[in-house]
Amino acid sequence: MVLGSLCLRNRFPLLHERMDEIKTFHSLKSLDLFGCRLGDDHEIFQHLTSTSLANSLIHLFIGGNSLSDVGLQRLTAPIRMMKKGLDHLQLLDVSYNPISERAIRYLTCLPKLENLDISGTSLKLGAGLKTTIWNLLGLICSEKPLDIFDHTRCKTEGWAEQVVNHWETNTSQMPKQKKIEASRTSALRFFGRQKFVREVLNTTPLVSESEEELNRERLHFYRAAANNLIIEKRVPYKMDHQVKMKKRQRQTESCDSSLQPPTKRSPSSALTAEDIELLNSY
């Protein structure tokens, strides 16, 4: 109720100014830190894997942060070593970061991961990448971009939303930020409306500004429905069963060709006791 979703996309000054206050939000379900210049060793990493967010955080956007394999290794270290943190994370956006296939192995510690965005990274779409992600994470490549990674769906929500807006629109108490605040004030005077400026800040991308990057292939992966996985697991049995049936049919035809009376084979003889038991179990 206090704050379920916090969007700080491309607002790195706000993140650094209000780090202590942001850490007090212990029930976040969605956190967008895209384009916040986190790098490989940011103090927010410790908060992301803390017990305060372990049972609540579901969506995490950390794309466009110059995050490398080393950064993902550090971020997931507490989870891999102490088996705690990000227990319920279902969506992870690491797009537009210089990560390689090695970084995918660090994500195997996320038991409930269902959606992954690796667009704009060093990874190239191919049969090898699809196989690796399927074997490590159990995720399938989506043929179309997933709507769940659309930024328009992410926004700050909760009764503390007004507090976050207050941070952004009011003058900071830190002397180092006077120039930044002065530029914000002049922008407010120029555009005339605080709401309009806030919407512009929300939609201004830090990366993917060129047309080439906008048209770059999206690498979205998702976990297939449980029913589909069950069907896929049962396919080998069905194939084996069909092969057995074909063999039995051939044996029956060979028996018929040798002029054996068909009355000697009962209709149920084509199925063994184990086959009948399996059919009854369905």
Protein backbone atom coordinates (compact mmCIF):
# COMPACT_ATOMS: atom_id res chain seq x y z
CA MET A 1 0.00 0.00 0.00
CA VAL A 2 2.88 2.39 0.73
CA LEU A 3 4.60 1.87 -2.62
CA GLY A 4 4.06 -1.18 -4.81
CA SER A 5 5.90 0.05 -7.90
CA LEU A 6 8.76 2.53 -8.26
CA CYS A 7 9.91 3.84 -11.65
CA LEU A 8 13.25 5.66 -11.70
CA ARG A 9 14.01 5.08 -15.38
CA ASN A 10 16.78 7.43 -16.56
CA ARG A 11 16.62 9.35 -13.26
CA PHE A 12 20.11 8.61 -11.94
CA PRO A 13 20.42 11.94 -10.04
CA LEU A 14 17.24 11.15 -8.11
CA LEU A 15 18.47 7.64 -7.30
CA HIS A 16 21.76 8.91 -5.89
CA GLU A 17 20.17 11.75 -3.95
CA ARG A 18 17.44 9.62 -2.34
CA MET A 19 19.22 6.30 -1.88
CA ASP A 20 18.54 6.10 1.86
CA GLU A 21 14.86 6.92 1.41
CA ILE A 22 14.46 4.41 -1.41
CA LYS A 23 15.85 1.65 0.81
CA THR A 24 12.97 2.21 3.23
CA PHE A 25 10.43 0.85 0.71
CA HIS A 26 10.31 -2.81 1.72
CA SER A 27 7.27 -4.02 -0.21
CA LEU A 28 8.13 -3.12 -3.80
CA LYS A 29 6.74 -5.47 -6.41
CA SER A 30 8.24 -3.65 -9.40
CA LEU A 31 11.42 -1.58 -9.56
CA ASP A 32 12.62 0.14 -12.75
CA LEU A 33 16.27 1.27 -12.62
CA PHE A 34 16.82 1.35 -16.38
CA GLY A 35 19.49 3.87 -17.38
CA CYS A 36 20.51 4.78 -13.82
CA ARG A 37 24.25 4.30 -14.41
CA LEU A 38 24.61 1.53 -11.85
CA GLY A 39 27.76 -0.05 -13.27
CA ASP A 40 29.16 -3.26 -11.80
CA ASP A 41 29.42 -2.25 -8.14
CA HIS A 42 26.54 -0.11 -6.94
CA GLU A 43 25.28 0.08 -3.37
CA ILE A 44 21.72 -0.64 -4.54
CA PHE A 45 22.76 -4.22 -5.29
CA GLN A 46 22.83 -5.07 -1.61
CA HIS A 47 19.32 -3.71 -1.16
CA LEU A 48 17.98 -5.65 -4.17
CA THR A 49 19.07 -8.97 -2.65
CA SER A 50 18.08 -8.07 0.92
CA THR A 51 15.45 -9.95 2.88
CA SER A 52 13.22 -6.87 2.81
CA LEU A 53 12.60 -7.36 -0.92
CA ALA A 54 13.02 -11.14 -1.07
CA ASN A 55 9.31 -11.89 -0.72
CA SER A 56 7.89 -8.95 -2.65
CA LEU A 57 9.97 -7.97 -5.70
CA ILE A 58 8.56 -9.56 -8.87
CA HIS A 59 9.72 -7.25 -11.70
CA LEU A 60 13.23 -5.78 -11.95
CA PHE A 61 14.49 -3.57 -14.79
CA ILE A 62 18.25 -2.93 -14.75
CA GLY A 63 18.90 -2.43 -18.46
CA GLY A 64 21.11 0.31 -19.89
CA ASN A 65 23.40 0.44 -16.84
CA SER A 66 26.79 -0.59 -18.29
CA LEU A 67 26.36 -3.81 -16.34
CA SER A 68 28.82 -6.54 -17.35
CA ASP A 69 29.18 -10.20 -16.45
CA VAL A 70 31.07 -9.13 -13.33
CA GLY A 71 28.16 -6.95 -12.24
CA LEU A 72 25.63 -9.76 -12.58
CA GLN A 73 28.02 -12.04 -10.74
CA ARG A 74 28.16 -9.60 -7.82
CA LEU A 75 24.42 -8.98 -7.88
CA THR A 76 23.56 -12.68 -7.68
CA ALA A 77 26.41 -13.69 -5.34
CA PRO A 78 24.31 -13.55 -2.13
CA ILE A 79 21.59 -15.59 -3.81
CA ARG A 80 23.95 -18.25 -5.13
CA MET A 81 25.99 -18.53 -1.94
CA MET A 82 23.48 -17.97 0.86
CA LYS A 83 20.36 -19.12 -1.02
CA LYS A 84 18.34 -16.01 -0.18
CA GLY A 85 17.15 -12.93 -2.01
CA LEU A 86 14.89 -12.34 -5.04
CA ASP A 87 12.95 -15.48 -4.17
CA HIS A 88 9.88 -14.41 -6.17
CA LEU A 89 11.47 -12.54 -9.08
CA GLN A 90 9.57 -13.39 -12.26
CA LEU A 91 10.75 -10.71 -14.71
CA LEU A 92 14.29 -9.46 -15.31
CA ASP A 93 15.39 -6.85 -17.85
CA VAL A 94 19.16 -6.73 -18.46
CA SER A 95 18.93 -5.30 -21.98
CA TYR A 96 21.51 -2.91 -23.43
CA ASN A 97 24.24 -4.10 -21.10
CA PRO A 98 27.62 -5.53 -22.26
CA ILE A 99 26.90 -9.04 -20.98
CA SER A 100 27.86 -12.34 -22.61
CA GLU A 101 26.57 -15.90 -22.46
CA ARG A 102 28.55 -16.36 -19.27
CA ALA A 103 26.16 -14.01 -17.44
CA ILE A 104 23.20 -16.31 -18.18
CA ARG A 105 24.68 -18.92 -15.86
CA TYR A 106 24.49 -16.49 -12.95
CA LEU A 107 20.70 -16.31 -13.39
CA THR A 108 20.10 -19.99 -12.66
CA CYS A 109 19.73 -19.06 -8.98
CA LEU A 110 16.40 -17.34 -9.72
CA PRO A 111 13.89 -20.18 -9.25
CA LYS A 112 10.77 -18.36 -10.43
CA LEU A 113 12.17 -16.41 -13.38
CA GLU A 114 9.60 -16.44 -16.21
CA ASN A 115 10.51 -13.48 -18.44
CA LEU A 116 13.96 -12.30 -19.55
CA ASP A 117 15.01 -9.41 -21.81
CA ILE A 118 18.57 -9.56 -23.20
CA SER A 119 18.07 -7.23 -26.18
CA GLY A 120 20.99 -5.03 -27.21
CA THR A 121 23.61 -7.17 -25.45
CA SER A 122 26.59 -9.10 -26.79
CA LEU A 123 24.37 -12.16 -27.20
CA LYS A 124 23.30 -13.07 -30.71
CA LEU A 125 20.12 -14.95 -31.45
CA GLY A 126 20.74 -18.44 -32.79
CA ALA A 127 20.15 -22.10 -32.16
CA GLY A 128 23.04 -22.20 -29.69
CA LEU A 129 21.69 -19.35 -27.56
CA LYS A 130 18.16 -20.78 -27.57
CA THR A 131 19.48 -24.16 -26.45
CA THR A 132 21.65 -22.65 -23.72
CA ILE A 133 18.86 -20.56 -22.22
CA TRP A 134 16.43 -23.47 -22.41
CA ASN A 135 18.86 -25.84 -20.68
CA LEU A 136 19.87 -23.34 -17.99
CA LEU A 137 16.66 -21.40 -17.35
CA GLY A 138 13.89 -23.35 -19.07
CA LEU A 139 12.88 -20.29 -21.13
CA ILE A 140 11.76 -20.13 -24.76
CA CYS A 141 12.55 -17.35 -27.23
CA SER A 142 9.50 -15.27 -28.14
CA GLU A 143 8.91 -14.66 -31.84
CA LYS A 144 7.28 -11.30 -31.04
CA PRO A 145 8.27 -8.63 -28.48
CA LEU A 146 6.57 -9.26 -25.15
CA ASP A 147 4.24 -6.50 -23.98
CA ILE A 148 5.36 -7.03 -20.40
CA PHE A 149 8.68 -5.32 -21.24
CA ASP A 150 6.93 -2.22 -22.57
CA HIS A 151 7.93 0.80 -20.46
CA THR A 152 4.42 2.26 -20.60
CA ARG A 153 3.31 -0.49 -18.22
CA CYS A 154 5.80 0.57 -15.54
CA LYS A 155 4.98 3.50 -13.28
CA THR A 156 5.20 4.62 -9.68
CA GLU A 157 2.14 3.44 -7.75
CA GLY A 158 1.11 3.69 -4.10
CA TRP A 159 0.12 6.42 -1.69
CA ALA A 160 3.82 7.37 -1.41
CA GLU A 161 3.76 8.32 -5.10
CA GLN A 162 3.28 11.94 -4.06
CA VAL A 163 6.46 11.71 -2.00
CA VAL A 164 8.46 10.58 -5.03
CA ASN A 165 6.97 13.38 -7.11
CA HIS A 166 7.88 15.80 -4.33
CA TRP A 167 11.50 14.65 -4.49
CA GLU A 168 11.62 15.35 -8.19
CA THR A 169 9.91 18.72 -8.33
CA ASN A 170 11.21 20.41 -5.18
CA THR A 171 14.60 21.98 -4.64
CA SER A 172 17.23 19.61 -3.32
CA GLN A 173 19.02 20.44 -0.07
CA MET A 174 22.37 19.28 -1.41
CA PRO A 175 24.66 22.12 -2.61
CA LYS A 176 26.10 19.96 -5.39
CA GLN A 177 22.72 19.71 -7.04
CA LYS A 178 22.04 23.44 -7.36
CA LYS A 179 22.89 23.48 -11.05
CA ILE A 180 20.68 20.47 -11.71
CA GLU A 181 17.80 22.02 -9.81
CA ALA A 182 18.29 25.32 -11.63
CA SER A 183 18.03 23.55 -14.95
CA ARG A 184 14.86 21.80 -13.75
CA THR A 185 13.36 25.13 -12.69
CA SER A 186 14.13 26.72 -16.05
CA ALA A 187 12.62 23.71 -17.79
CA LEU A 188 9.45 24.08 -15.73
CA ARG A 189 9.20 27.74 -16.69
CA PHE A 190 9.80 26.96 -20.34
CA PHE A 191 7.21 24.22 -20.65
CA GLY A 192 4.82 25.76 -18.16
CA ARG A 193 3.59 22.54 -16.58
CA GLN A 194 5.29 20.17 -14.15
CA LYS A 195 3.20 17.24 -15.34
CA PHE A 196 4.35 17.68 -18.91
CA VAL A 197 8.02 17.74 -17.88
CA ARG A 198 7.52 14.63 -15.75
CA GLU A 199 6.02 12.77 -18.69
CA VAL A 200 8.94 13.79 -20.88
CA LEU A 201 11.43 12.53 -18.31
CA ASN A 202 9.56 9.24 -18.10
CA THR A 203 9.64 8.63 -21.82
CA THR A 204 13.08 9.97 -22.74
CA PRO A 205 15.31 6.95 -23.45
CA LEU A 206 18.95 6.92 -22.39
CA VAL A 207 19.73 4.31 -25.04
CA SER A 208 18.15 3.19 -28.32
CA GLU A 209 17.89 6.73 -29.62
CA SER A 210 19.00 5.99 -33.19
CA GLU A 211 16.70 4.36 -35.72
CA GLU A 212 19.14 1.47 -36.08
CA GLU A 213 18.93 0.68 -32.38
CA LEU A 214 15.16 1.11 -32.35
CA ASN A 215 14.88 -1.49 -35.10
CA ARG A 216 17.30 -3.86 -33.39
CA GLU A 217 15.99 -7.34 -32.81
CA ARG A 218 14.33 -7.89 -29.46
CA LEU A 219 15.56 -10.90 -27.51
CA HIS A 220 12.68 -11.75 -25.19
CA PHE A 221 12.44 -15.12 -23.48
CA TYR A 222 9.53 -16.55 -21.52
CA ARG A 223 8.52 -19.69 -19.68
CA ALA A 224 5.96 -21.77 -21.52
CA ALA A 225 2.69 -22.76 -19.87
CA ALA A 226 2.82 -25.80 -17.63
CA ASN A 227 0.38 -27.67 -19.83
CA ASN A 228 2.62 -27.28 -22.87
CA LEU A 229 5.63 -28.55 -20.96
CA ILE A 230 3.68 -31.60 -19.80
CA ILE A 231 2.69 -32.36 -23.38
CA GLU A 232 6.29 -32.03 -24.54
CA LYS A 233 7.48 -34.41 -21.84
CA ARG A 234 4.90 -36.97 -22.85
CA VAL A 235 5.84 -36.93 -26.51
CA PRO A 236 8.68 -39.48 -26.18
CA TYR A 237 6.31 -41.98 -24.58
CA LYS A 238 3.76 -41.47 -27.33
CA MET A 239 6.42 -41.96 -29.98
CA ASP A 240 7.68 -45.13 -28.32
CA HIS A 241 4.14 -46.39 -27.97
CA GLN A 242 3.42 -45.75 -31.65
CA VAL A 243 6.61 -47.55 -32.65
CA LYS A 244 5.61 -50.55 -30.53
CA MET A 245 2.14 -50.60 -32.06
CA LYS A 246 3.60 -50.51 -35.57
CA LYS A 247 5.91 -53.41 -34.72
CA ARG A 248 2.99 -55.41 -33.36
CA GLN A 249 0.98 -54.65 -36.51
CA ARG A 250 3.84 -55.90 -38.65
CA GLN A 251 4.08 -59.05 -36.53
CA THR A 252 0.34 -59.55 -36.94
CA GLU A 253 0.61 -59.14 -40.71
CA SER A 254 3.48 -61.65 -40.85
CA CYS A 255 1.42 -64.09 -38.85
CA ASP A 256 -1.53 -63.62 -41.22
CA SER A 257 0.75 -64.18 -44.22
CA SER A 258 1.80 -67.54 -42.79
CA LEU A 259 -1.88 -68.61 -42.94
CA GLN A 260 -2.35 -68.73 -39.17
CA PRO A 261 -6.01 -68.60 -38.11
CA PRO A 262 -6.88 -65.11 -36.86
CA THR A 263 -9.06 -66.59 -34.13
CA LYS A 264 -5.98 -67.67 -32.21
CA ARG A 265 -5.09 -64.00 -31.44
CA SER A 266 -7.50 -62.26 -29.09
CA PRO A 267 -8.24 -58.58 -29.72
CA SER A 268 -6.65 -57.58 -26.41
CA SER A 269 -3.40 -59.42 -27.05
CA ALA A 270 -1.97 -56.35 -28.81
CA LEU A 271 -1.78 -54.56 -25.44
CA THR A 272 0.23 -55.85 -22.52
CA ALA A 273 -0.88 -55.60 -18.92
CA GLU A 274 1.46 -52.62 -18.42
CA ASP A 275 -0.04 -50.84 -21.44
CA ILE A 276 -3.57 -51.32 -20.12
CA GLU A 277 -2.52 -50.04 -16.68
CA LEU A 278 -1.02 -46.90 -18.26
CA LEU A 279 -4.17 -46.30 -20.31
CA ASN A 280 -6.32 -46.65 -17.20
CA SER A 281 -4.11 -44.13 -15.38
CA TYR A 282 -5.01 -41.48 -17.99
